[in-house]
Amino acid sequence: MNHLKSYADRMRAMNGTMDSNGMPSQGNQELAQKETENEKTSMQQNNALKFLKGFASNTFDKLFDRVV
Protein backbone atom coordinates (compact mmCIF):
# COMPACT_ATOMS: atom_id res chain seq x y z
CA MET A 1 0.00 0.00 0.00
CA ASN A 2 2.90 2.33 0.69
CA HIS A 3 4.07 1.78 -2.87
CA LEU A 4 0.76 3.00 -4.25
CA LYS A 5 0.79 6.06 -2.03
CA SER A 6 4.33 7.00 -3.07
CA TYR A 7 3.36 6.48 -6.72
CA ALA A 8 0.31 8.71 -6.33
CA ASP A 9 2.41 11.37 -4.64
CA ARG A 10 4.94 11.31 -7.49
CA MET A 11 2.14 11.56 -10.05
CA ARG A 12 0.64 14.53 -8.22
CA ALA A 13 4.04 16.22 -8.21
CA MET A 14 4.32 15.71 -11.98
CA ASN A 15 0.72 16.61 -12.85
CA GLY A 16 0.26 19.38 -10.33
CA THR A 17 -2.99 19.81 -8.48
CA MET A 18 -4.30 23.02 -10.05
CA ASP A 19 -4.33 24.35 -13.59
CA SER A 20 -3.68 27.96 -14.59
CA ASN A 21 -7.33 28.89 -13.91
CA GLY A 22 -7.27 27.56 -10.35
CA MET A 23 -9.31 24.48 -11.19
CA PRO A 24 -8.18 20.94 -10.29
CA SER A 25 -5.88 19.63 -13.03
CA GLN A 26 -7.06 16.84 -15.30
CA GLY A 27 -4.22 14.57 -14.20
CA ASN A 28 -5.08 15.13 -10.54
CA GLN A 29 -8.76 14.38 -11.19
CA GLU A 30 -7.90 11.18 -13.06
CA LEU A 31 -5.52 10.08 -10.31
CA ALA A 32 -8.15 10.69 -7.63
CA GLN A 33 -10.67 8.65 -9.62
CA LYS A 34 -8.19 5.77 -10.04
CA GLU A 35 -7.38 5.83 -6.32
CA THR A 36 -11.08 5.67 -5.45
CA GLU A 37 -11.72 2.76 -7.81
CA ASN A 38 -8.65 0.94 -6.50
CA GLU A 39 -9.86 1.32 -2.90
CA LYS A 40 -13.32 0.02 -3.82
CA THR A 41 -11.85 -2.96 -5.65
CA SER A 42 -9.52 -3.84 -2.78
CA MET A 43 -12.40 -3.71 -0.28
CA GLN A 44 -14.49 -5.98 -2.51
CA GLN A 45 -11.60 -8.43 -2.86
CA ASN A 46 -11.02 -8.50 0.90
CA ASN A 47 -14.71 -9.11 1.58
CA ALA A 48 -14.81 -11.89 -1.01
CA LEU A 49 -11.75 -13.57 0.48
CA LYS A 50 -13.19 -13.37 4.00
CA PHE A 51 -16.44 -14.90 2.79
CA LEU A 52 -14.70 -17.68 0.89
CA LYS A 53 -12.41 -18.51 3.79
CA GLY A 54 -15.37 -18.65 6.17
CA PHE A 55 -17.47 -20.68 3.74
CA ALA A 56 -14.68 -23.12 2.99
CA SER A 57 -13.79 -23.67 6.64
CA ASN A 58 -17.43 -24.08 7.68
CA THR A 59 -18.10 -26.51 4.84
CA PHE A 60 -14.96 -28.49 5.61
CA ASP A 61 -15.82 -28.65 9.30
CA LYS A 62 -19.32 -29.91 8.54
CA LEU A 63 -18.04 -32.57 6.15
CA PHE A 64 -15.27 -33.63 8.53
CA ASP A 65 -17.75 -34.00 11.38
CA ARG A 66 -19.86 -36.35 9.24
CA VAL A 67 -16.89 -38.53 8.35
CA VAL A 68 -15.63 -38.91 11.90
PDB file of N, CA and C in Angstrom:
ATOM      1  N   MET A   1       0.823  -1.195   0.000  1.00  0.00           N
ATOM      2  CA  MET A   1       0.000   0.000   0.000  1.00  0.00           C
ATOM      3  C   MET A   1       0.861   1.250   0.000  1.00  0.00           C
ATOM      4  N   ASN A   2       2.006   1.173   0.679  1.00  0.00           N
ATOM      5  CA  ASN A   2       2.895   2.329   0.694  1.00  0.00           C
ATOM      6  C   ASN A   2       3.422   2.633  -0.692  1.00  0.00           C
ATOM      7  N   HIS A   3       3.601   1.578  -1.496  1.00  0.00           N
ATOM      8  CA  HIS A   3       4.075   1.781  -2.866  1.00  0.00           C
ATOM      9  C   HIS A   3       3.057   2.595  -3.663  1.00  0.00           C
ATOM     10  N   LEU A   4       1.783   2.270  -3.513  1.00  0.00           N
ATOM     11  CA  LEU A   4       0.755   2.998  -4.253  1.00  0.00           C
ATOM     12  C   LEU A   4       0.671   4.455  -3.816  1.00  0.00           C
ATOM     13  N   LYS A   5       0.831   4.691  -2.528  1.00  0.00           N
ATOM     14  CA  LYS A   5       0.787   6.063  -2.032  1.00  0.00           C
ATOM     15  C   LYS A   5       1.965   6.873  -2.562  1.00  0.00           C
ATOM     16  N   SER A   6       3.167   6.276  -2.560  1.00  0.00           N
ATOM     17  CA  SER A   6       4.327   7.001  -3.068  1.00  0.00           C
ATOM     18  C   SER A   6       4.187   7.257  -4.568  1.00  0.00           C
ATOM     19  N   TYR A   7       3.610   6.287  -5.286  1.00  0.00           N
ATOM     20  CA  TYR A   7       3.364   6.476  -6.723  1.00  0.00           C
ATOM     21  C   TYR A   7       2.378   7.621  -6.951  1.00  0.00           C
ATOM     22  N   ALA A   8       1.313   7.642  -6.185  1.00  0.00           N
ATOM     23  CA  ALA A   8       0.314   8.707  -6.328  1.00  0.00           C
ATOM     24  C   ALA A   8       0.925  10.067  -6.000  1.00  0.00           C
ATOM     25  N   ASP A   9       1.753  10.109  -4.982  1.00  0.00           N
ATOM     26  CA  ASP A   9       2.408  11.371  -4.635  1.00  0.00           C
ATOM     27  C   ASP A   9       3.326  11.852  -5.752  1.00  0.00           C
ATOM     28  N   ARG A  10       4.070  10.928  -6.372  1.00  0.00           N
ATOM     29  CA  ARG A  10       4.935  11.314  -7.492  1.00  0.00           C
ATOM     30  C   ARG A  10       4.118  11.802  -8.676  1.00  0.00           C
ATOM     31  N   MET A  11       2.993  11.140  -8.938  1.00  0.00           N
ATOM     32  CA  MET A  11       2.135  11.564 -10.054  1.00  0.00           C
ATOM     33  C   MET A  11       1.552  12.947  -9.787  1.00  0.00           C
ATOM     34  N   ARG A  12       1.160  13.207  -8.551  1.00  0.00           N
ATOM     35  CA  ARG A  12       0.638  14.532  -8.221  1.00  0.00           C
ATOM     36  C   ARG A  12       1.711  15.609  -8.404  1.00  0.00           C
ATOM     37  N   ALA A  13       2.942  15.269  -8.044  1.00  0.00           N
ATOM     38  CA  ALA A  13       4.036  16.219  -8.214  1.00  0.00           C
ATOM     39  C   ALA A  13       4.266  16.513  -9.693  1.00  0.00           C
ATOM     40  N   MET A  14       4.126  15.497 -10.536  1.00  0.00           N
ATOM     41  CA  MET A  14       4.319  15.709 -11.978  1.00  0.00           C
ATOM     42  C   MET A  14       3.142  16.445 -12.600  1.00  0.00           C
ATOM     43  N   ASN A  15       1.920  16.041 -12.243  1.00  0.00           N
ATOM     44  CA  ASN A  15       0.724  16.615 -12.854  1.00  0.00           C
ATOM     45  C   ASN A  15       0.364  17.972 -12.265  1.00  0.00           C
ATOM     46  N   GLY A  16       0.727  18.181 -11.018  1.00  0.00           N
ATOM     47  CA  GLY A  16       0.255  19.375 -10.331  1.00  0.00           C
ATOM     48  C   GLY A  16      -1.161  19.128  -9.850  1.00  0.00           C
ATOM     49  N   THR A  17      -1.637  20.005  -9.001  1.00  0.00           N
ATOM     50  CA  THR A  17      -2.988  19.810  -8.480  1.00  0.00           C
ATOM     51  C   THR A  17      -3.963  20.852  -8.998  1.00  0.00           C
ATOM     52  N   MET A  18      -3.443  21.962  -9.522  1.00  0.00           N
ATOM     53  CA  MET A  18      -4.298  23.021 -10.055  1.00  0.00           C
ATOM     54  C   MET A  18      -3.800  23.439 -11.445  1.00  0.00           C
ATOM     55  N   ASP A  19      -4.743  23.808 -12.298  1.00  0.00           N
ATOM     56  CA  ASP A  19      -4.330  24.346 -13.588  1.00  0.00           C
ATOM     57  C   ASP A  19      -4.184  25.863 -13.481  1.00  0.00           C
ATOM     58  N   SER A  20      -3.941  26.513 -14.614  1.00  0.00           N
ATOM     59  CA  SER A  20      -3.679  27.956 -14.594  1.00  0.00           C
ATOM     60  C   SER A  20      -4.905  28.781 -14.193  1.00  0.00           C
ATOM     61  N   ASN A  21      -6.099  28.186 -14.282  1.00  0.00           N
ATOM     62  CA  ASN A  21      -7.331  28.893 -13.909  1.00  0.00           C
ATOM     63  C   ASN A  21      -7.739  28.641 -12.460  1.00  0.00           C
ATOM     64  N   GLY A  22      -6.943  27.862 -11.738  1.00  0.00           N
ATOM     65  CA  GLY A  22      -7.265  27.561 -10.351  1.00  0.00           C
ATOM     66  C   GLY A  22      -8.186  26.370 -10.163  1.00  0.00           C
ATOM     67  N   MET A  23      -8.464  25.677 -11.262  1.00  0.00           N
ATOM     68  CA  MET A  23      -9.310  24.479 -11.195  1.00  0.00           C
ATOM     69  C   MET A  23      -8.421  23.254 -10.991  1.00  0.00           C
ATOM     70  N   PRO A  24      -8.983  22.165 -10.428  1.00  0.00           N
ATOM     71  CA  PRO A  24      -8.177  20.942 -10.295  1.00  0.00           C
ATOM     72  C   PRO A  24      -7.689  20.465 -11.671  1.00  0.00           C
ATOM     73  N   SER A  25      -6.430  20.066 -11.748  1.00  0.00           N
ATOM     74  CA  SER A  25      -5.880  19.633 -13.031  1.00  0.00           C
ATOM     75  C   SER A  25      -6.502  18.318 -13.460  1.00  0.00           C
ATOM     76  N   GLN A  26      -6.472  18.071 -14.772  1.00  0.00           N
ATOM     77  CA  GLN A  26      -7.064  16.844 -15.302  1.00  0.00           C
ATOM     78  C   GLN A  26      -6.327  15.624 -14.767  1.00  0.00           C
ATOM     79  N   GLY A  27      -4.998  15.699 -14.715  1.00  0.00           N
ATOM     80  CA  GLY A  27      -4.220  14.566 -14.200  1.00  0.00           C
ATOM     81  C   GLY A  27      -4.552  14.268 -12.750  1.00  0.00           C
ATOM     82  N   ASN A  28      -4.737  15.318 -11.956  1.00  0.00           N
ATOM     83  CA  ASN A  28      -5.079  15.127 -10.542  1.00  0.00           C
ATOM     84  C   ASN A  28      -6.472  14.515 -10.404  1.00  0.00           C
ATOM     85  N   GLN A  29      -7.408  14.946 -11.227  1.00  0.00           N
ATOM     86  CA  GLN A  29      -8.762  14.381 -11.191  1.00  0.00           C
ATOM     87  C   GLN A  29      -8.738  12.904 -11.574  1.00  0.00           C
ATOM     88  N   GLU A  30      -7.974  12.571 -12.620  1.00  0.00           N
ATOM     89  CA  GLU A  30      -7.900  11.180 -13.059  1.00  0.00           C
ATOM     90  C   GLU A  30      -7.241  10.306 -11.987  1.00  0.00           C
ATOM     91  N   LEU A  31      -6.194  10.826 -11.370  1.00  0.00           N
ATOM     92  CA  LEU A  31      -5.515  10.076 -10.310  1.00  0.00           C
ATOM     93  C   LEU A  31      -6.445   9.837  -9.124  1.00  0.00           C
ATOM     94  N   ALA A  32      -7.202  10.845  -8.751  1.00  0.00           N
ATOM     95  CA  ALA A  32      -8.147  10.694  -7.635  1.00  0.00           C
ATOM     96  C   ALA A  32      -9.204   9.643  -7.961  1.00  0.00           C
ATOM     97  N   GLN A  33      -9.678   9.641  -9.210  1.00  0.00           N
ATOM     98  CA  GLN A  33     -10.674   8.647  -9.619  1.00  0.00           C
ATOM     99  C   GLN A  33     -10.076   7.238  -9.583  1.00  0.00           C
ATOM    100  N   LYS A  34      -8.835   7.093 -10.066  1.00  0.00           N
ATOM    101  CA  LYS A  34      -8.192   5.773 -10.044  1.00  0.00           C
ATOM    102  C   LYS A  34      -7.963   5.298  -8.613  1.00  0.00           C
ATOM    103  N   GLU A  35      -7.576   6.202  -7.726  1.00  0.00           N
ATOM    104  CA  GLU A  35      -7.380   5.827  -6.323  1.00  0.00           C
ATOM    105  C   GLU A  35      -8.685   5.347  -5.702  1.00  0.00           C
ATOM    106  N   THR A  36      -9.774   6.050  -5.989  1.00  0.00           N
ATOM    107  CA  THR A  36     -11.084   5.674  -5.448  1.00  0.00           C
ATOM    108  C   THR A  36     -11.500   4.297  -5.957  1.00  0.00           C
ATOM    109  N   GLU A  37     -11.355   4.058  -7.252  1.00  0.00           N
ATOM    110  CA  GLU A  37     -11.724   2.762  -7.812  1.00  0.00           C
ATOM    111  C   GLU A  37     -10.841   1.649  -7.248  1.00  0.00           C
ATOM    112  N   ASN A  38      -9.558   1.936  -7.058  1.00  0.00           N
ATOM    113  CA  ASN A  38      -8.649   0.944  -6.496  1.00  0.00           C
ATOM    114  C   ASN A  38      -9.055   0.582  -5.070  1.00  0.00           C
ATOM    115  N   GLU A  39      -9.432   1.579  -4.279  1.00  0.00           N
ATOM    116  CA  GLU A  39      -9.863   1.316  -2.903  1.00  0.00           C
ATOM    117  C   GLU A  39     -11.132   0.482  -2.874  1.00  0.00           C
ATOM    118  N   LYS A  40     -12.081   0.795  -3.761  1.00  0.00           N
ATOM    119  CA  LYS A  40     -13.324   0.019  -3.825  1.00  0.00           C
ATOM    120  C   LYS A  40     -13.036  -1.433  -4.200  1.00  0.00           C
ATOM    121  N   THR A  41     -12.172  -1.613  -5.196  1.00  0.00           N
ATOM    122  CA  THR A  41     -11.846  -2.960  -5.648  1.00  0.00           C
ATOM    123  C   THR A  41     -11.163  -3.757  -4.547  1.00  0.00           C
ATOM    124  N   SER A  42     -10.228  -3.116  -3.839  1.00  0.00           N
ATOM    125  CA  SER A  42      -9.523  -3.837  -2.778  1.00  0.00           C
ATOM    126  C   SER A  42     -10.468  -4.219  -1.646  1.00  0.00           C
ATOM    127  N   MET A  43     -11.424  -3.360  -1.321  1.00  0.00           N
ATOM    128  CA  MET A  43     -12.399  -3.706  -0.283  1.00  0.00           C
ATOM    129  C   MET A  43     -13.258  -4.883  -0.724  1.00  0.00           C
ATOM    130  N   GLN A  44     -13.681  -4.879  -1.999  1.00  0.00           N
ATOM    131  CA  GLN A  44     -14.489  -5.984  -2.509  1.00  0.00           C
ATOM    132  C   GLN A  44     -13.701  -7.289  -2.487  1.00  0.00           C
ATOM    133  N   GLN A  45     -12.418  -7.228  -2.874  1.00  0.00           N
ATOM    134  CA  GLN A  45     -11.601  -8.433  -2.862  1.00  0.00           C
ATOM    135  C   GLN A  45     -11.413  -8.956  -1.446  1.00  0.00           C
ATOM    136  N   ASN A  46     -11.183  -8.065  -0.492  1.00  0.00           N
ATOM    137  CA  ASN A  46     -11.016  -8.496   0.900  1.00  0.00           C
ATOM    138  C   ASN A  46     -12.289  -9.129   1.430  1.00  0.00           C
ATOM    139  N   ASN A  47     -13.439  -8.536   1.122  1.00  0.00           N
ATOM    140  CA  ASN A  47     -14.707  -9.110   1.575  1.00  0.00           C
ATOM    141  C   ASN A  47     -14.951 -10.472   0.948  1.00  0.00           C
ATOM    142  N   ALA A  48     -14.629 -10.609  -0.336  1.00  0.00           N
ATOM    143  CA  ALA A  48     -14.814 -11.887  -1.014  1.00  0.00           C
ATOM    144  C   ALA A  48     -13.913 -12.958  -0.410  1.00  0.00           C
ATOM    145  N   LEU A  49     -12.657 -12.602  -0.119  1.00  0.00           N
ATOM    146  CA  LEU A  49     -11.748 -13.572   0.485  1.00  0.00           C
ATOM    147  C   LEU A  49     -12.209 -13.985   1.872  1.00  0.00           C
ATOM    148  N   LYS A  50     -12.680 -13.033   2.666  1.00  0.00           N
ATOM    149  CA  LYS A  50     -13.190 -13.370   4.004  1.00  0.00           C
ATOM    150  C   LYS A  50     -14.372 -14.318   3.905  1.00  0.00           C
ATOM    151  N   PHE A  51     -15.276 -14.043   2.968  1.00  0.00           N
ATOM    152  CA  PHE A  51     -16.440 -14.902   2.786  1.00  0.00           C
ATOM    153  C   PHE A  51     -16.020 -16.309   2.367  1.00  0.00           C
ATOM    154  N   LEU A  52     -15.123 -16.373   1.382  1.00  0.00           N
ATOM    155  CA  LEU A  52     -14.700 -17.682   0.890  1.00  0.00           C
ATOM    156  C   LEU A  52     -13.960 -18.475   1.952  1.00  0.00           C
ATOM    157  N   LYS A  53     -13.122 -17.811   2.726  1.00  0.00           N
ATOM    158  CA  LYS A  53     -12.409 -18.508   3.793  1.00  0.00           C
ATOM    159  C   LYS A  53     -13.391 -19.036   4.836  1.00  0.00           C
ATOM    160  N   GLY A  54     -14.360 -18.224   5.205  1.00  0.00           N
ATOM    161  CA  GLY A  54     -15.368 -18.655   6.171  1.00  0.00           C
ATOM    162  C   GLY A  54     -16.230 -19.772   5.630  1.00  0.00           C
ATOM    163  N   PHE A  55     -16.639 -19.659   4.368  1.00  0.00           N
ATOM    164  CA  PHE A  55     -17.474 -20.679   3.744  1.00  0.00           C
ATOM    165  C   PHE A  55     -16.718 -21.988   3.624  1.00  0.00           C
ATOM    166  N   ALA A  56     -15.468 -21.897   3.185  1.00  0.00           N
ATOM    167  CA  ALA A  56     -14.683 -23.118   2.994  1.00  0.00           C
ATOM    168  C   ALA A  56     -14.425 -23.807   4.334  1.00  0.00           C
ATOM    169  N   SER A  57     -14.083 -23.026   5.356  1.00  0.00           N
ATOM    170  CA  SER A  57     -13.795 -23.673   6.642  1.00  0.00           C
ATOM    171  C   SER A  57     -15.061 -24.250   7.254  1.00  0.00           C
ATOM    172  N   ASN A  58     -16.179 -23.552   7.136  1.00  0.00           N
ATOM    173  CA  ASN A  58     -17.431 -24.083   7.682  1.00  0.00           C
ATOM    174  C   ASN A  58     -17.862 -25.343   6.944  1.00  0.00           C
ATOM    175  N   THR A  59     -17.722 -25.337   5.631  1.00  0.00           N
ATOM    176  CA  THR A  59     -18.102 -26.506   4.841  1.00  0.00           C
ATOM    177  C   THR A  59     -17.200 -27.681   5.175  1.00  0.00           C
ATOM    178  N   PHE A  60     -15.898 -27.418   5.274  1.00  0.00           N
ATOM    179  CA  PHE A  60     -14.957 -28.491   5.612  1.00  0.00           C
ATOM    180  C   PHE A  60     -15.261 -29.056   6.988  1.00  0.00           C
ATOM    181  N   ASP A  61     -15.520 -28.180   7.948  1.00  0.00           N
ATOM    182  CA  ASP A  61     -15.820 -28.653   9.303  1.00  0.00           C
ATOM    183  C   ASP A  61     -17.063 -29.530   9.313  1.00  0.00           C
ATOM    184  N   LYS A  62     -18.087 -29.129   8.584  1.00  0.00           N
ATOM    185  CA  LYS A  62     -19.323 -29.914   8.544  1.00  0.00           C
ATOM    186  C   LYS A  62     -19.076 -31.280   7.909  1.00  0.00           C
ATOM    187  N   LEU A  63     -18.317 -31.302   6.814  1.00  0.00           N
ATOM    188  CA  LEU A  63     -18.038 -32.573   6.151  1.00  0.00           C
ATOM    189  C   LEU A  63     -17.156 -33.463   7.013  1.00  0.00           C
ATOM    190  N   PHE A  64     -16.183 -32.853   7.679  1.00  0.00           N
ATOM    191  CA  PHE A  64     -15.274 -33.625   8.527  1.00  0.00           C
ATOM    192  C   PHE A  64     -16.033 -34.234   9.707  1.00  0.00           C
ATOM    193  N   ASP A  65     -16.973 -33.484  10.260  1.00  0.00           N
ATOM    194  CA  ASP A  65     -17.751 -34.003  11.384  1.00  0.00           C
ATOM    195  C   ASP A  65     -18.583 -35.206  10.949  1.00  0.00           C
ATOM    196  N   ARG A  66     -19.051 -35.210   9.727  1.00  0.00           N
ATOM    197  CA  ARG A  66     -19.856 -36.345   9.241  1.00  0.00           C
ATOM    198  C   ARG A  66     -19.002 -37.578   9.052  1.00  0.00           C
ATOM    199  N   VAL A  67     -17.770 -37.391   8.611  1.00  0.00           N
ATOM    200  CA  VAL A  67     -16.892 -38.530   8.348  1.00  0.00           C
ATOM    201  C   VAL A  67     -16.457 -39.179   9.643  1.00  0.00           C
ATOM    202  N   VAL A  68     -16.129 -38.388  10.631  1.00  0.00           N
ATOM    203  CA  VAL A  68     -15.635 -38.909  11.902  1.00  0.00           C
ATOM    204  C   VAL A  68     -16.782 -39.389  12.700  1.00  0.00           C
TER     205      VAL A  68
END
